[in-house]
Amino acid sequence: MNEELKRLVKQKCNVTWEDVETEQRIEEILQDAIISIKHKIGVPTKEEIDFFKPGPERTLFKNYCFYEWNNKVSEFDKNYEHEILQLRQKYEVKQYGENE
């Protein structure tokens, strides 16, 4: 797990303490978020995204982790529908170009 990405998520979730239980939960959230965000924006499973790199992917990723941390992930899609659709279009165009 990328420690810098973990640090960004902990910062977004206002986690300033360290204990085993919290670290495990953050790591689970990170692992689930990578898969969920890639699925939502239409990125093939094997393709990598650098969620540490500044940009809309990182913003969406951190916000998803924040919602998951606060047990509100069910509200994420509704609140970030526009951003998800924009990124989905970006990756659809990219995949179309690669297939041509």
C-alpha atoms as a PDB file:
ATOM      1  CA  MET A   1       0.000   0.000   0.000  1.00  0.00           C
ATOM      2  CA  ASN A   2       1.351   3.397  -0.925  1.00  0.00           C
ATOM      3  CA  GLU A   3       2.110   5.159   2.361  1.00  0.00           C
ATOM      4  CA  GLU A   4       1.715   8.609   0.811  1.00  0.00           C
ATOM      5  CA  LEU A   5      -1.739   7.732  -0.461  1.00  0.00           C
ATOM      6  CA  LYS A   6      -2.596   6.380   2.970  1.00  0.00           C
ATOM      7  CA  ARG A   7      -1.377   9.635   4.517  1.00  0.00           C
ATOM      8  CA  LEU A   8      -3.572  11.688   2.151  1.00  0.00           C
ATOM      9  CA  VAL A   9      -6.640   9.644   3.037  1.00  0.00           C
ATOM     10  CA  LYS A  10      -5.946   9.880   6.767  1.00  0.00           C
ATOM     11  CA  GLN A  11      -5.577  13.643   6.371  1.00  0.00           C
ATOM     12  CA  LYS A  12      -8.868  13.870   4.432  1.00  0.00           C
ATOM     13  CA  CYS A  13     -10.625  11.841   7.152  1.00  0.00           C
ATOM     14  CA  ASN A  14      -9.041  13.910   9.944  1.00  0.00           C
ATOM     15  CA  VAL A  15      -7.349  10.842  11.427  1.00  0.00           C
ATOM     16  CA  THR A  16      -4.520  12.179  13.580  1.00  0.00           C
ATOM     17  CA  TRP A  17      -3.954   9.134  15.777  1.00  0.00           C
ATOM     18  CA  GLU A  18      -2.431   5.745  15.148  1.00  0.00           C
ATOM     19  CA  ASP A  19      -3.600   2.388  16.406  1.00  0.00           C
ATOM     20  CA  VAL A  20      -3.825  -1.041  14.855  1.00  0.00           C
ATOM     21  CA  GLU A  21      -7.597  -1.007  14.404  1.00  0.00           C
ATOM     22  CA  THR A  22      -7.608   2.390  12.686  1.00  0.00           C
ATOM     23  CA  GLU A  23      -4.708   1.444  10.418  1.00  0.00           C
ATOM     24  CA  GLN A  24      -6.493  -1.740   9.350  1.00  0.00           C
ATOM     25  CA  ARG A  25      -9.718   0.132   8.635  1.00  0.00           C
ATOM     26  CA  ILE A  26      -7.907   2.785   6.576  1.00  0.00           C
ATOM     27  CA  GLU A  27      -6.115   0.085   4.575  1.00  0.00           C
ATOM     28  CA  GLU A  28      -9.403  -1.730   3.903  1.00  0.00           C
ATOM     29  CA  ILE A  29     -11.013   1.526   2.814  1.00  0.00           C
ATOM     30  CA  LEU A  30      -8.089   2.225   0.469  1.00  0.00           C
ATOM     31  CA  GLN A  31      -8.232  -1.224  -1.099  1.00  0.00           C
ATOM     32  CA  ASP A  32     -11.990  -1.046  -1.608  1.00  0.00           C
ATOM     33  CA  ALA A  33     -11.819   2.536  -2.890  1.00  0.00           C
ATOM     34  CA  ILE A  34      -9.300   1.667  -5.599  1.00  0.00           C
ATOM     35  CA  ILE A  35     -11.595  -1.027  -6.980  1.00  0.00           C
ATOM     36  CA  SER A  36     -14.799   1.008  -6.554  1.00  0.00           C
ATOM     37  CA  ILE A  37     -13.547   4.203  -8.151  1.00  0.00           C
ATOM     38  CA  LYS A  38     -11.999   2.349 -11.088  1.00  0.00           C
ATOM     39  CA  HIS A  39     -15.326   0.579 -11.641  1.00  0.00           C
ATOM     40  CA  LYS A  40     -17.383   3.775 -11.332  1.00  0.00           C
ATOM     41  CA  ILE A  41     -15.274   5.685 -13.857  1.00  0.00           C
ATOM     42  CA  GLY A  42     -14.950   2.758 -16.267  1.00  0.00           C
ATOM     43  CA  VAL A  43     -11.269   1.923 -15.951  1.00  0.00           C
ATOM     44  CA  PRO A  44     -10.347  -1.679 -16.812  1.00  0.00           C
ATOM     45  CA  THR A  45      -9.400  -3.720 -13.751  1.00  0.00           C
ATOM     46  CA  LYS A  46      -5.811  -4.270 -14.910  1.00  0.00           C
ATOM     47  CA  GLU A  47      -5.168  -0.613 -15.741  1.00  0.00           C
ATOM     48  CA  GLU A  48      -3.433   1.379 -13.031  1.00  0.00           C
ATOM     49  CA  ILE A  49      -4.408   4.866 -11.907  1.00  0.00           C
ATOM     50  CA  ASP A  50      -2.058   7.023  -9.865  1.00  0.00           C
ATOM     51  CA  PHE A  51      -4.440   8.262  -7.186  1.00  0.00           C
ATOM     52  CA  PHE A  52      -1.566  10.165  -5.583  1.00  0.00           C
ATOM     53  CA  LYS A  53      -1.171  12.410  -8.647  1.00  0.00           C
ATOM     54  CA  PRO A  54      -3.183  15.655  -8.311  1.00  0.00           C
ATOM     55  CA  GLY A  55      -6.300  15.710 -10.427  1.00  0.00           C
ATOM     56  CA  PRO A  56      -9.974  14.778 -10.508  1.00  0.00           C
ATOM     57  CA  GLU A  57      -9.239  11.077  -9.979  1.00  0.00           C
ATOM     58  CA  ARG A  58      -7.419  11.814  -6.719  1.00  0.00           C
ATOM     59  CA  THR A  59     -10.148  14.185  -5.558  1.00  0.00           C
ATOM     60  CA  LEU A  60     -12.862  11.635  -6.245  1.00  0.00           C
ATOM     61  CA  PHE A  61     -10.808   8.902  -4.576  1.00  0.00           C
ATOM     62  CA  LYS A  62     -10.199  10.898  -1.399  1.00  0.00           C
ATOM     63  CA  ASN A  63     -13.860  11.900  -1.188  1.00  0.00           C
ATOM     64  CA  TYR A  64     -14.955   8.293  -1.609  1.00  0.00           C
ATOM     65  CA  CYS A  65     -12.636   7.295   1.247  1.00  0.00           C
ATOM     66  CA  PHE A  66     -14.051  10.113   3.379  1.00  0.00           C
ATOM     67  CA  TYR A  67     -17.607   8.908   2.777  1.00  0.00           C
ATOM     68  CA  GLU A  68     -16.594   5.324   3.543  1.00  0.00           C
ATOM     69  CA  TRP A  69     -14.816   6.410   6.737  1.00  0.00           C
ATOM     70  CA  ASN A  70     -18.008   8.134   7.870  1.00  0.00           C
ATOM     71  CA  ASN A  71     -20.242   5.185   6.886  1.00  0.00           C
ATOM     72  CA  LYS A  72     -22.025   7.299   4.254  1.00  0.00           C
ATOM     73  CA  VAL A  73     -20.787   5.631   1.060  1.00  0.00           C
ATOM     74  CA  SER A  74     -24.406   5.085  -0.016  1.00  0.00           C
ATOM     75  CA  GLU A  75     -24.663   8.859  -0.544  1.00  0.00           C
ATOM     76  CA  PHE A  76     -21.447   9.147  -2.549  1.00  0.00           C
ATOM     77  CA  ASP A  77     -22.824   8.353  -6.022  1.00  0.00           C
ATOM     78  CA  LYS A  78     -25.648  10.868  -5.691  1.00  0.00           C
ATOM     79  CA  ASN A  79     -23.350  13.651  -4.479  1.00  0.00           C
ATOM     80  CA  TYR A  80     -20.556  13.009  -7.008  1.00  0.00           C
ATOM     81  CA  GLU A  81     -22.586  11.883 -10.019  1.00  0.00           C
ATOM     82  CA  HIS A  82     -21.344  14.755 -12.197  1.00  0.00           C
ATOM     83  CA  GLU A  83     -17.667  14.096 -11.411  1.00  0.00           C
ATOM     84  CA  ILE A  84     -18.081  10.344 -11.939  1.00  0.00           C
ATOM     85  CA  LEU A  85     -19.714  10.895 -15.338  1.00  0.00           C
ATOM     86  CA  GLN A  86     -17.013  13.340 -16.444  1.00  0.00           C
ATOM     87  CA  LEU A  87     -14.249  10.869 -15.596  1.00  0.00           C
ATOM     88  CA  ARG A  88     -16.185   7.995 -17.126  1.00  0.00           C
ATOM     89  CA  GLN A  89     -16.410   9.927 -20.407  1.00  0.00           C
ATOM     90  CA  LYS A  90     -12.672  10.631 -20.260  1.00  0.00           C
ATOM     91  CA  TYR A  91     -11.833   6.939 -19.934  1.00  0.00           C
ATOM     92  CA  GLU A  92     -14.396   5.876 -22.558  1.00  0.00           C
ATOM     93  CA  VAL A  93     -12.774   8.230 -25.067  1.00  0.00           C
ATOM     94  CA  LYS A  94      -9.342   6.958 -24.085  1.00  0.00           C
ATOM     95  CA  GLN A  95     -10.393   3.327 -24.553  1.00  0.00           C
ATOM     96  CA  TYR A  96     -12.083   4.126 -27.863  1.00  0.00           C
ATOM     97  CA  GLY A  97      -8.871   5.736 -29.114  1.00  0.00           C
ATOM     98  CA  GLU A  98      -6.804   2.743 -28.054  1.00  0.00           C
ATOM     99  CA  ASN A  99      -9.165   0.347 -29.839  1.00  0.00           C
ATOM    100  CA  GLU A 100      -9.049   2.250 -33.140  1.00  0.00           C
END
